[in-house]
PDB file of N, CA and C in Angstrom:
ATOM      1  N   MET A   1     -65.041 -29.779  31.286  1.00  0.00           N
ATOM      2  CA  MET A   1     -64.454 -31.018  30.859  1.00  0.00           C
ATOM      3  C   MET A   1     -64.238 -31.910  32.093  1.00  0.00           C
ATOM      4  N   THR A   2     -64.716 -33.150  32.011  1.00  0.00           N
ATOM      5  CA  THR A   2     -64.523 -34.079  33.123  1.00  0.00           C
ATOM      6  C   THR A   2     -63.065 -34.492  33.190  1.00  0.00           C
ATOM      7  N   LYS A   3     -62.593 -34.598  34.423  1.00  0.00           N
ATOM      8  CA  LYS A   3     -61.168 -35.014  34.617  1.00  0.00           C
ATOM      9  C   LYS A   3     -61.076 -36.480  34.421  1.00  0.00           C
ATOM     10  N   LEU A   4     -60.608 -36.871  33.284  1.00  0.00           N
ATOM     11  CA  LEU A   4     -60.372 -38.262  32.965  1.00  0.00           C
ATOM     12  C   LEU A   4     -58.927 -38.350  32.434  1.00  0.00           C
ATOM     13  N   PRO A   5     -58.307 -39.546  32.590  1.00  0.00           N
ATOM     14  CA  PRO A   5     -56.997 -39.707  31.992  1.00  0.00           C
ATOM     15  C   PRO A   5     -57.046 -39.364  30.526  1.00  0.00           C
ATOM     16  N   ALA A   6     -55.991 -38.723  29.987  1.00  0.00           N
ATOM     17  CA  ALA A   6     -55.972 -38.367  28.569  1.00  0.00           C
ATOM     18  C   ALA A   6     -54.524 -38.447  28.048  1.00  0.00           C
ATOM     19  N   VAL A   7     -54.510 -38.776  26.748  1.00  0.00           N
ATOM     20  CA  VAL A   7     -53.231 -38.712  25.992  1.00  0.00           C
ATOM     21  C   VAL A   7     -53.400 -37.427  25.131  1.00  0.00           C
ATOM     22  N   TYR A   8     -52.269 -36.697  24.961  1.00  0.00           N
ATOM     23  CA  TYR A   8     -52.369 -35.462  24.247  1.00  0.00           C
ATOM     24  C   TYR A   8     -51.092 -35.200  23.445  1.00  0.00           C
ATOM     25  N   ILE A   9     -51.214 -34.367  22.445  1.00  0.00           N
ATOM     26  CA  ILE A   9     -50.075 -33.952  21.614  1.00  0.00           C
ATOM     27  C   ILE A   9     -50.049 -32.435  21.647  1.00  0.00           C
ATOM     28  N   MET A  10     -48.876 -31.910  22.046  1.00  0.00           N
ATOM     29  CA  MET A  10     -48.591 -30.469  22.007  1.00  0.00           C
ATOM     30  C   MET A  10     -47.694 -30.211  20.819  1.00  0.00           C
ATOM     31  N   ALA A  11     -47.811 -29.025  20.218  1.00  0.00           N
ATOM     32  CA  ALA A  11     -46.985 -28.674  19.060  1.00  0.00           C
ATOM     33  C   ALA A  11     -46.461 -27.226  19.234  1.00  0.00           C
ATOM     34  N   SER A  12     -45.332 -27.005  18.563  1.00  0.00           N
ATOM     35  CA  SER A  12     -44.791 -25.651  18.560  1.00  0.00           C
ATOM     36  C   SER A  12     -45.465 -24.792  17.524  1.00  0.00           C
ATOM     37  N   GLY A  13     -46.191 -25.379  16.617  1.00  0.00           N
ATOM     38  CA  GLY A  13     -46.884 -24.709  15.556  1.00  0.00           C
ATOM     39  C   GLY A  13     -47.293 -25.714  14.496  1.00  0.00           C
ATOM     40  N   ARG A  14     -47.930 -25.237  13.471  1.00  0.00           N
ATOM     41  CA  ARG A  14     -48.328 -26.161  12.393  1.00  0.00           C
ATOM     42  C   ARG A  14     -47.087 -26.844  11.827  1.00  0.00           C
ATOM     43  N   ASN A  15     -47.171 -28.188  11.781  1.00  0.00           N
ATOM     44  CA  ASN A  15     -46.059 -29.008  11.281  1.00  0.00           C
ATOM     45  C   ASN A  15     -44.748 -28.811  12.088  1.00  0.00           C
ATOM     46  N   GLY A  16     -44.891 -28.299  13.307  1.00  0.00           N
ATOM     47  CA  GLY A  16     -43.728 -28.007  14.131  1.00  0.00           C
ATOM     48  C   GLY A  16     -43.283 -29.221  14.979  1.00  0.00           C
ATOM     49  N   THR A  17     -42.541 -28.918  16.026  1.00  0.00           N
ATOM     50  CA  THR A  17     -42.057 -29.944  16.963  1.00  0.00           C
ATOM     51  C   THR A  17     -43.235 -30.503  17.737  1.00  0.00           C
ATOM     52  N   LEU A  18     -43.304 -31.798  17.947  1.00  0.00           N
ATOM     53  CA  LEU A  18     -44.408 -32.464  18.602  1.00  0.00           C
ATOM     54  C   LEU A  18     -43.972 -33.091  19.913  1.00  0.00           C
ATOM     55  N   TYR A  19     -44.881 -33.058  20.872  1.00  0.00           N
ATOM     56  CA  TYR A  19     -44.664 -33.711  22.206  1.00  0.00           C
ATOM     57  C   TYR A  19     -45.915 -34.501  22.506  1.00  0.00           C
ATOM     58  N   THR A  20     -45.764 -35.772  22.879  1.00  0.00           N
ATOM     59  CA  THR A  20     -46.883 -36.621  23.273  1.00  0.00           C
ATOM     60  C   THR A  20     -46.764 -36.889  24.733  1.00  0.00           C
ATOM     61  N   GLY A  21     -47.896 -36.707  25.475  1.00  0.00           N
ATOM     62  CA  GLY A  21     -47.899 -36.951  26.911  1.00  0.00           C
ATOM     63  C   GLY A  21     -49.196 -37.564  27.387  1.00  0.00           C
ATOM     64  N   VAL A  22     -49.218 -37.922  28.654  1.00  0.00           N
ATOM     65  CA  VAL A  22     -50.362 -38.498  29.324  1.00  0.00           C
ATOM     66  C   VAL A  22     -50.580 -37.786  30.631  1.00  0.00           C
ATOM     67  N   THR A  23     -51.808 -37.607  31.064  1.00  0.00           N
ATOM     68  CA  THR A  23     -52.114 -36.893  32.280  1.00  0.00           C
ATOM     69  C   THR A  23     -53.491 -37.313  32.831  1.00  0.00           C
ATOM     70  N   SER A  24     -53.700 -37.054  34.106  1.00  0.00           N
ATOM     71  CA  SER A  24     -55.004 -37.323  34.662  1.00  0.00           C
ATOM     72  C   SER A  24     -55.833 -36.017  34.769  1.00  0.00           C
ATOM     73  N   ASP A  25     -55.218 -34.864  34.433  1.00  0.00           N
ATOM     74  CA  ASP A  25     -55.905 -33.596  34.465  1.00  0.00           C
ATOM     75  C   ASP A  25     -55.455 -32.740  33.254  1.00  0.00           C
ATOM     76  N   LEU A  26     -56.085 -33.002  32.149  1.00  0.00           N
ATOM     77  CA  LEU A  26     -55.653 -32.335  30.898  1.00  0.00           C
ATOM     78  C   LEU A  26     -55.691 -30.800  30.944  1.00  0.00           C
ATOM     79  N   PRO A  27     -56.735 -30.191  31.402  1.00  0.00           N
ATOM     80  CA  PRO A  27     -56.704 -28.698  31.381  1.00  0.00           C
ATOM     81  C   PRO A  27     -55.537 -28.111  32.162  1.00  0.00           C
ATOM     82  N   SER A  28     -55.298 -28.661  33.355  1.00  0.00           N
ATOM     83  CA  SER A  28     -54.144 -28.132  34.178  1.00  0.00           C
ATOM     84  C   SER A  28     -52.823 -28.426  33.523  1.00  0.00           C
ATOM     85  N   ARG A  29     -52.670 -29.587  32.988  1.00  0.00           N
ATOM     86  CA  ARG A  29     -51.357 -29.948  32.406  1.00  0.00           C
ATOM     87  C   ARG A  29     -51.077 -29.114  31.129  1.00  0.00           C
ATOM     88  N   VAL A  30     -52.064 -28.927  30.291  1.00  0.00           N
ATOM     89  CA  VAL A  30     -51.861 -28.107  29.102  1.00  0.00           C
ATOM     90  C   VAL A  30     -51.564 -26.644  29.515  1.00  0.00           C
ATOM     91  N   TRP A  31     -52.266 -26.148  30.538  1.00  0.00           N
ATOM     92  CA  TRP A  31     -52.012 -24.799  30.979  1.00  0.00           C
ATOM     93  C   TRP A  31     -50.574 -24.667  31.436  1.00  0.00           C
ATOM     94  N   GLN A  32     -50.040 -25.662  32.153  1.00  0.00           N
ATOM     95  CA  GLN A  32     -48.635 -25.671  32.591  1.00  0.00           C
ATOM     96  C   GLN A  32     -47.701 -25.594  31.440  1.00  0.00           C
ATOM     97  N   HIS A  33     -47.978 -26.382  30.380  1.00  0.00           N
ATOM     98  CA  HIS A  33     -47.137 -26.337  29.160  1.00  0.00           C
ATOM     99  C   HIS A  33     -47.224 -24.969  28.495  1.00  0.00           C
ATOM    100  N   ARG A  34     -48.409 -24.415  28.396  1.00  0.00           N
ATOM    101  CA  ARG A  34     -48.612 -23.098  27.721  1.00  0.00           C
ATOM    102  C   ARG A  34     -47.878 -22.015  28.467  1.00  0.00           C
ATOM    103  N   GLU A  35     -47.867 -22.053  29.780  1.00  0.00           N
ATOM    104  CA  GLU A  35     -47.230 -21.002  30.587  1.00  0.00           C
ATOM    105  C   GLU A  35     -45.716 -21.241  30.770  1.00  0.00           C
ATOM    106  N   GLY A  36     -45.227 -22.303  30.227  1.00  0.00           N
ATOM    107  CA  GLY A  36     -43.757 -22.618  30.376  1.00  0.00           C
ATOM    108  C   GLY A  36     -43.394 -23.023  31.772  1.00  0.00           C
ATOM    109  N   LEU A  37     -44.308 -23.566  32.538  1.00  0.00           N
ATOM    110  CA  LEU A  37     -44.063 -23.987  33.910  1.00  0.00           C
ATOM    111  C   LEU A  37     -43.471 -25.372  34.012  1.00  0.00           C
ATOM    112  N   VAL A  38     -43.477 -26.122  32.919  1.00  0.00           N
ATOM    113  CA  VAL A  38     -42.933 -27.496  32.887  1.00  0.00           C
ATOM    114  C   VAL A  38     -41.503 -27.449  32.284  1.00  0.00           C
ATOM    115  N   GLU A  39     -40.522 -27.719  33.096  1.00  0.00           N
ATOM    116  CA  GLU A  39     -39.147 -27.737  32.586  1.00  0.00           C
ATOM    117  C   GLU A  39     -38.985 -28.944  31.675  1.00  0.00           C
ATOM    118  N   GLY A  40     -38.199 -28.796  30.657  1.00  0.00           N
ATOM    119  CA  GLY A  40     -37.920 -29.964  29.788  1.00  0.00           C
ATOM    120  C   GLY A  40     -38.255 -29.689  28.323  1.00  0.00           C
ATOM    121  N   PHE A  41     -38.660 -30.740  27.658  1.00  0.00           N
ATOM    122  CA  PHE A  41     -38.826 -30.716  26.239  1.00  0.00           C
ATOM    123  C   PHE A  41     -39.793 -29.669  25.745  1.00  0.00           C
ATOM    124  N   THR A  42     -40.974 -29.625  26.318  1.00  0.00           N
ATOM    125  CA  THR A  42     -41.999 -28.684  25.791  1.00  0.00           C
ATOM    126  C   THR A  42     -41.589 -27.251  25.955  1.00  0.00           C
ATOM    127  N   LYS A  43     -40.911 -26.935  27.082  1.00  0.00           N
ATOM    128  CA  LYS A  43     -40.472 -25.536  27.276  1.00  0.00           C
ATOM    129  C   LYS A  43     -39.323 -25.247  26.344  1.00  0.00           C
ATOM    130  N   ARG A  44     -38.385 -26.174  26.204  1.00  0.00           N
ATOM    131  CA  ARG A  44     -37.202 -25.940  25.370  1.00  0.00           C
ATOM    132  C   ARG A  44     -37.561 -25.766  23.903  1.00  0.00           C
ATOM    133  N   TYR A  45     -38.543 -26.500  23.436  1.00  0.00           N
ATOM    134  CA  TYR A  45     -38.911 -26.442  22.005  1.00  0.00           C
ATOM    135  C   TYR A  45     -40.239 -25.654  21.754  1.00  0.00           C
ATOM    136  N   GLY A  46     -40.760 -25.002  22.701  1.00  0.00           N
ATOM    137  CA  GLY A  46     -41.910 -24.154  22.486  1.00  0.00           C
ATOM    138  C   GLY A  46     -43.177 -24.885  22.156  1.00  0.00           C
ATOM    139  N   CYS A  47     -43.323 -26.064  22.661  1.00  0.00           N
ATOM    140  CA  CYS A  47     -44.578 -26.870  22.386  1.00  0.00           C
ATOM    141  C   CYS A  47     -45.663 -26.389  23.341  1.00  0.00           C
ATOM    142  N   ASN A  48     -46.377 -25.395  22.928  1.00  0.00           N
ATOM    143  CA  ASN A  48     -47.362 -24.793  23.801  1.00  0.00           C
ATOM    144  C   ASN A  48     -48.794 -24.756  23.207  1.00  0.00           C
ATOM    145  N   ARG A  49     -48.990 -25.518  22.152  1.00  0.00           N
ATOM    146  CA  ARG A  49     -50.291 -25.553  21.470  1.00  0.00           C
ATOM    147  C   ARG A  49     -50.845 -26.965  21.532  1.00  0.00           C
ATOM    148  N   LEU A  50     -52.013 -27.117  22.144  1.00  0.00           N
ATOM    149  CA  LEU A  50     -52.674 -28.444  22.197  1.00  0.00           C
ATOM    150  C   LEU A  50     -53.340 -28.667  20.818  1.00  0.00           C
ATOM    151  N   VAL A  51     -52.852 -29.706  20.121  1.00  0.00           N
ATOM    152  CA  VAL A  51     -53.365 -29.986  18.782  1.00  0.00           C
ATOM    153  C   VAL A  51     -54.144 -31.281  18.697  1.00  0.00           C
ATOM    154  N   TRP A  52     -54.069 -32.118  19.740  1.00  0.00           N
ATOM    155  CA  TRP A  52     -54.785 -33.410  19.710  1.00  0.00           C
ATOM    156  C   TRP A  52     -54.900 -33.918  21.095  1.00  0.00           C
ATOM    157  N   PHE A  53     -56.024 -34.570  21.445  1.00  0.00           N
ATOM    158  CA  PHE A  53     -56.164 -35.293  22.717  1.00  0.00           C
ATOM    159  C   PHE A  53     -57.191 -36.347  22.569  1.00  0.00           C
ATOM    160  N   GLU A  54     -57.070 -37.352  23.524  1.00  0.00           N
ATOM    161  CA  GLU A  54     -57.992 -38.459  23.517  1.00  0.00           C
ATOM    162  C   GLU A  54     -58.180 -38.842  24.994  1.00  0.00           C
ATOM    163  N   GLN A  55     -59.430 -38.835  25.463  1.00  0.00           N
ATOM    164  CA  GLN A  55     -59.695 -39.214  26.842  1.00  0.00           C
ATOM    165  C   GLN A  55     -59.878 -40.759  26.979  1.00  0.00           C
ATOM    166  N   HIS A  56     -59.520 -41.266  28.155  1.00  0.00           N
ATOM    167  CA  HIS A  56     -59.599 -42.675  28.469  1.00  0.00           C
ATOM    168  C   HIS A  56     -60.305 -42.890  29.772  1.00  0.00           C
ATOM    169  N   GLU A  57     -60.900 -44.084  29.951  1.00  0.00           N
ATOM    170  CA  GLU A  57     -61.552 -44.392  31.187  1.00  0.00           C
ATOM    171  C   GLU A  57     -60.561 -44.706  32.313  1.00  0.00           C
ATOM    172  N   THR A  58     -59.432 -45.250  31.951  1.00  0.00           N
ATOM    173  CA  THR A  58     -58.448 -45.585  32.949  1.00  0.00           C
ATOM    174  C   THR A  58     -57.047 -45.061  32.598  1.00  0.00           C
ATOM    175  N   MET A  59     -56.221 -44.797  33.584  1.00  0.00           N
ATOM    176  CA  MET A  59     -54.854 -44.367  33.338  1.00  0.00           C
ATOM    177  C   MET A  59     -54.056 -45.434  32.611  1.00  0.00           C
ATOM    178  N   GLU A  60     -54.356 -46.709  32.898  1.00  0.00           N
ATOM    179  CA  GLU A  60     -53.644 -47.778  32.259  1.00  0.00           C
ATOM    180  C   GLU A  60     -53.858 -47.756  30.740  1.00  0.00           C
ATOM    181  N   SER A  61     -55.082 -47.551  30.333  1.00  0.00           N
ATOM    182  CA  SER A  61     -55.387 -47.499  28.897  1.00  0.00           C
ATOM    183  C   SER A  61     -54.761 -46.287  28.237  1.00  0.00           C
ATOM    184  N   ALA A  62     -54.763 -45.157  28.997  1.00  0.00           N
ATOM    185  CA  ALA A  62     -54.111 -43.955  28.484  1.00  0.00           C
ATOM    186  C   ALA A  62     -52.645 -44.154  28.278  1.00  0.00           C
ATOM    187  N   ILE A  63     -51.990 -44.745  29.249  1.00  0.00           N
ATOM    188  CA  ILE A  63     -50.517 -44.988  29.122  1.00  0.00           C
ATOM    189  C   ILE A  63     -50.230 -45.923  27.996  1.00  0.00           C
ATOM    190  N   LEU A  64     -51.038 -46.949  27.795  1.00  0.00           N
ATOM    191  CA  LEU A  64     -50.818 -47.862  26.664  1.00  0.00           C
ATOM    192  C   LEU A  64     -50.950 -47.107  25.323  1.00  0.00           C
ATOM    193  N   ARG A  65     -51.936 -46.252  25.215  1.00  0.00           N
ATOM    194  CA  ARG A  65     -52.117 -45.467  23.999  1.00  0.00           C
ATOM    195  C   ARG A  65     -50.967 -44.508  23.792  1.00  0.00           C
ATOM    196  N   GLU A  66     -50.527 -43.850  24.842  1.00  0.00           N
ATOM    197  CA  GLU A  66     -49.346 -42.968  24.724  1.00  0.00           C
ATOM    198  C   GLU A  66     -48.158 -43.712  24.197  1.00  0.00           C
ATOM    199  N   LYS A  67     -47.887 -44.884  24.735  1.00  0.00           N
ATOM    200  CA  LYS A  67     -46.745 -45.702  24.270  1.00  0.00           C
ATOM    201  C   LYS A  67     -46.909 -46.092  22.801  1.00  0.00           C
ATOM    202  N   GLN A  68     -48.139 -46.400  22.398  1.00  0.00           N
ATOM    203  CA  GLN A  68     -48.392 -46.718  20.991  1.00  0.00           C
ATOM    204  C   GLN A  68     -48.105 -45.528  20.125  1.00  0.00           C
ATOM    205  N   ILE A  69     -48.545 -44.347  20.471  1.00  0.00           N
ATOM    206  CA  ILE A  69     -48.318 -43.212  19.703  1.00  0.00           C
ATOM    207  C   ILE A  69     -46.810 -42.836  19.672  1.00  0.00           C
ATOM    208  N   LYS A  70     -46.160 -42.891  20.810  1.00  0.00           N
ATOM    209  CA  LYS A  70     -44.750 -42.590  20.828  1.00  0.00           C
ATOM    210  C   LYS A  70     -43.905 -43.555  19.996  1.00  0.00           C
ATOM    211  N   ALA A  71     -44.390 -44.789  19.892  1.00  0.00           N
ATOM    212  CA  ALA A  71     -43.658 -45.769  19.119  1.00  0.00           C
ATOM    213  C   ALA A  71     -43.802 -45.549  17.612  1.00  0.00           C
ATOM    214  N   GLY A  72     -44.828 -44.810  17.230  1.00  0.00           N
ATOM    215  CA  GLY A  72     -45.045 -44.485  15.836  1.00  0.00           C
ATOM    216  C   GLY A  72     -44.123 -43.449  15.309  1.00  0.00           C
ATOM    217  N   ASN A  73     -44.081 -43.270  14.022  1.00  0.00           N
ATOM    218  CA  ASN A  73     -43.221 -42.246  13.446  1.00  0.00           C
ATOM    219  C   ASN A  73     -43.948 -40.911  13.357  1.00  0.00           C
ATOM    220  N   ARG A  74     -43.233 -39.890  12.989  1.00  0.00           N
ATOM    221  CA  ARG A  74     -43.828 -38.538  12.850  1.00  0.00           C
ATOM    222  C   ARG A  74     -44.978 -38.514  11.885  1.00  0.00           C
ATOM    223  N   LYS A  75     -44.866 -39.212  10.794  1.00  0.00           N
ATOM    224  CA  LYS A  75     -45.915 -39.238   9.765  1.00  0.00           C
ATOM    225  C   LYS A  75     -47.228 -39.759  10.363  1.00  0.00           C
ATOM    226  N   ALA A  76     -47.144 -40.784  11.232  1.00  0.00           N
ATOM    227  CA  ALA A  76     -48.378 -41.311  11.842  1.00  0.00           C
ATOM    228  C   ALA A  76     -48.935 -40.313  12.833  1.00  0.00           C
ATOM    229  N   LYS A  77     -48.117 -39.580  13.559  1.00  0.00           N
ATOM    230  CA  LYS A  77     -48.600 -38.545  14.496  1.00  0.00           C
ATOM    231  C   LYS A  77     -49.243 -37.384  13.704  1.00  0.00           C
ATOM    232  N   MET A  78     -48.674 -36.988  12.623  1.00  0.00           N
ATOM    233  CA  MET A  78     -49.198 -35.907  11.774  1.00  0.00           C
ATOM    234  C   MET A  78     -50.607 -36.354  11.230  1.00  0.00           C
ATOM    235  N   LYS A  79     -50.696 -37.574  10.819  1.00  0.00           N
ATOM    236  CA  LYS A  79     -51.950 -38.092  10.268  1.00  0.00           C
ATOM    237  C   LYS A  79     -53.028 -38.073  11.364  1.00  0.00           C
ATOM    238  N   LEU A  80     -52.675 -38.458  12.581  1.00  0.00           N
ATOM    239  CA  LEU A  80     -53.593 -38.460  13.713  1.00  0.00           C
ATOM    240  C   LEU A  80     -54.098 -37.063  14.001  1.00  0.00           C
ATOM    241  N   ILE A  81     -53.167 -36.109  14.030  1.00  0.00           N
ATOM    242  CA  ILE A  81     -53.555 -34.701  14.313  1.00  0.00           C
ATOM    243  C   ILE A  81     -54.425 -34.173  13.188  1.00  0.00           C
ATOM    244  N   GLU A  82     -54.016 -34.341  11.969  1.00  0.00           N
ATOM    245  CA  GLU A  82     -54.747 -33.771  10.848  1.00  0.00           C
ATOM    246  C   GLU A  82     -56.147 -34.389  10.627  1.00  0.00           C
ATOM    247  N   ALA A  83     -56.338 -35.659  11.047  1.00  0.00           N
ATOM    248  CA  ALA A  83     -57.647 -36.265  10.969  1.00  0.00           C
ATOM    249  C   ALA A  83     -58.619 -35.626  11.980  1.00  0.00           C
ATOM    250  N   TYR A  84     -58.093 -35.191  13.106  1.00  0.00           N
ATOM    251  CA  TYR A  84     -58.895 -34.632  14.200  1.00  0.00           C
ATOM    252  C   TYR A  84     -58.928 -33.110  14.202  1.00  0.00           C
ATOM    253  N   ASN A  85     -57.786 -32.503  13.741  1.00  0.00           N
ATOM    254  CA  ASN A  85     -57.655 -31.055  13.847  1.00  0.00           C
ATOM    255  C   ASN A  85     -56.844 -30.570  12.584  1.00  0.00           C
ATOM    256  N   PRO A  86     -57.483 -30.589  11.412  1.00  0.00           N
ATOM    257  CA  PRO A  86     -56.744 -30.280  10.175  1.00  0.00           C
ATOM    258  C   PRO A  86     -56.151 -28.912  10.121  1.00  0.00           C
ATOM    259  N   ARG A  87     -56.657 -27.965  10.877  1.00  0.00           N
ATOM    260  CA  ARG A  87     -56.084 -26.606  10.855  1.00  0.00           C
ATOM    261  C   ARG A  87     -55.004 -26.389  11.919  1.00  0.00           C
ATOM    262  N   TRP A  88     -54.783 -27.413  12.727  1.00  0.00           N
ATOM    263  CA  TRP A  88     -53.769 -27.334  13.805  1.00  0.00           C
ATOM    264  C   TRP A  88     -54.115 -26.210  14.796  1.00  0.00           C
ATOM    265  N   ARG A  89     -55.394 -25.938  15.023  1.00  0.00           N
ATOM    266  CA  ARG A  89     -55.725 -24.879  15.938  1.00  0.00           C
ATOM    267  C   ARG A  89     -55.443 -25.329  17.366  1.00  0.00           C
ATOM    268  N   ASP A  90     -55.168 -24.383  18.202  1.00  0.00           N
ATOM    269  CA  ASP A  90     -54.917 -24.656  19.607  1.00  0.00           C
ATOM    270  C   ASP A  90     -56.266 -24.995  20.265  1.00  0.00           C
ATOM    271  N   MET A  91     -56.401 -26.193  20.785  1.00  0.00           N
ATOM    272  CA  MET A  91     -57.641 -26.677  21.327  1.00  0.00           C
ATOM    273  C   MET A  91     -57.791 -26.403  22.856  1.00  0.00           C
ATOM    274  N   PHE A  92     -56.926 -25.613  23.410  1.00  0.00           N
ATOM    275  CA  PHE A  92     -56.984 -25.361  24.834  1.00  0.00           C
ATOM    276  C   PHE A  92     -58.286 -24.775  25.273  1.00  0.00           C
ATOM    277  N   GLU A  93     -58.867 -23.879  24.506  1.00  0.00           N
ATOM    278  CA  GLU A  93     -60.151 -23.244  24.865  1.00  0.00           C
ATOM    279  C   GLU A  93     -61.267 -24.292  24.870  1.00  0.00           C
ATOM    280  N   ASP A  94     -61.108 -25.340  24.129  1.00  0.00           N
ATOM    281  CA  ASP A  94     -62.149 -26.420  24.111  1.00  0.00           C
ATOM    282  C   ASP A  94     -62.154 -27.178  25.421  1.00  0.00           C
ATOM    283  N   ILE A  95     -61.054 -27.261  26.122  1.00  0.00           N
ATOM    284  CA  ILE A  95     -60.930 -28.054  27.337  1.00  0.00           C
ATOM    285  C   ILE A  95     -60.921 -27.225  28.630  1.00  0.00           C
ATOM    286  N   ALA A  96     -60.573 -25.942  28.480  1.00  0.00           N
ATOM    287  CA  ALA A  96     -60.496 -25.064  29.666  1.00  0.00           C
ATOM    288  C   ALA A  96     -61.824 -24.884  30.307  1.00  0.00           C
ATOM    289  N   GLN A  97     -61.875 -24.768  31.583  1.00  0.00           N
ATOM    290  CA  GLN A  97     -63.134 -24.616  32.273  1.00  0.00           C
ATOM    291  C   GLN A  97     -63.278 -23.247  32.891  1.00  0.00           C
TER     292      GLN A  97
END
C-alpha cells in the first residue's frame, strides 16, 4: 500500500464504539491501535479493528474529510462503513505490507 494521507475508522466490533482519525501512514497507525500502543480513546474503548478508510492525495484534503466525518452523527458513520464494509471485517490485512 502506498503511503498516502488517509482518513480511517476503527471500531471495537460490529456496531461497537467508533473512532475516526487521520494519518500519513495508515498501516503503521492501525498497527499501533491494534497493539494498544496509542494511549487514549482507542485503547480505552478497544477500538482495534480497521473497518473503513479512504486515501487522499494531500494531508489537507484528508483533514477536511476527517472533520466532515467527525461532524456527522453515528448513523452517518455507520452508513459509510456498511456501504464499504458490510460485514465489518477487520481490513488491516488489506493494507499491511
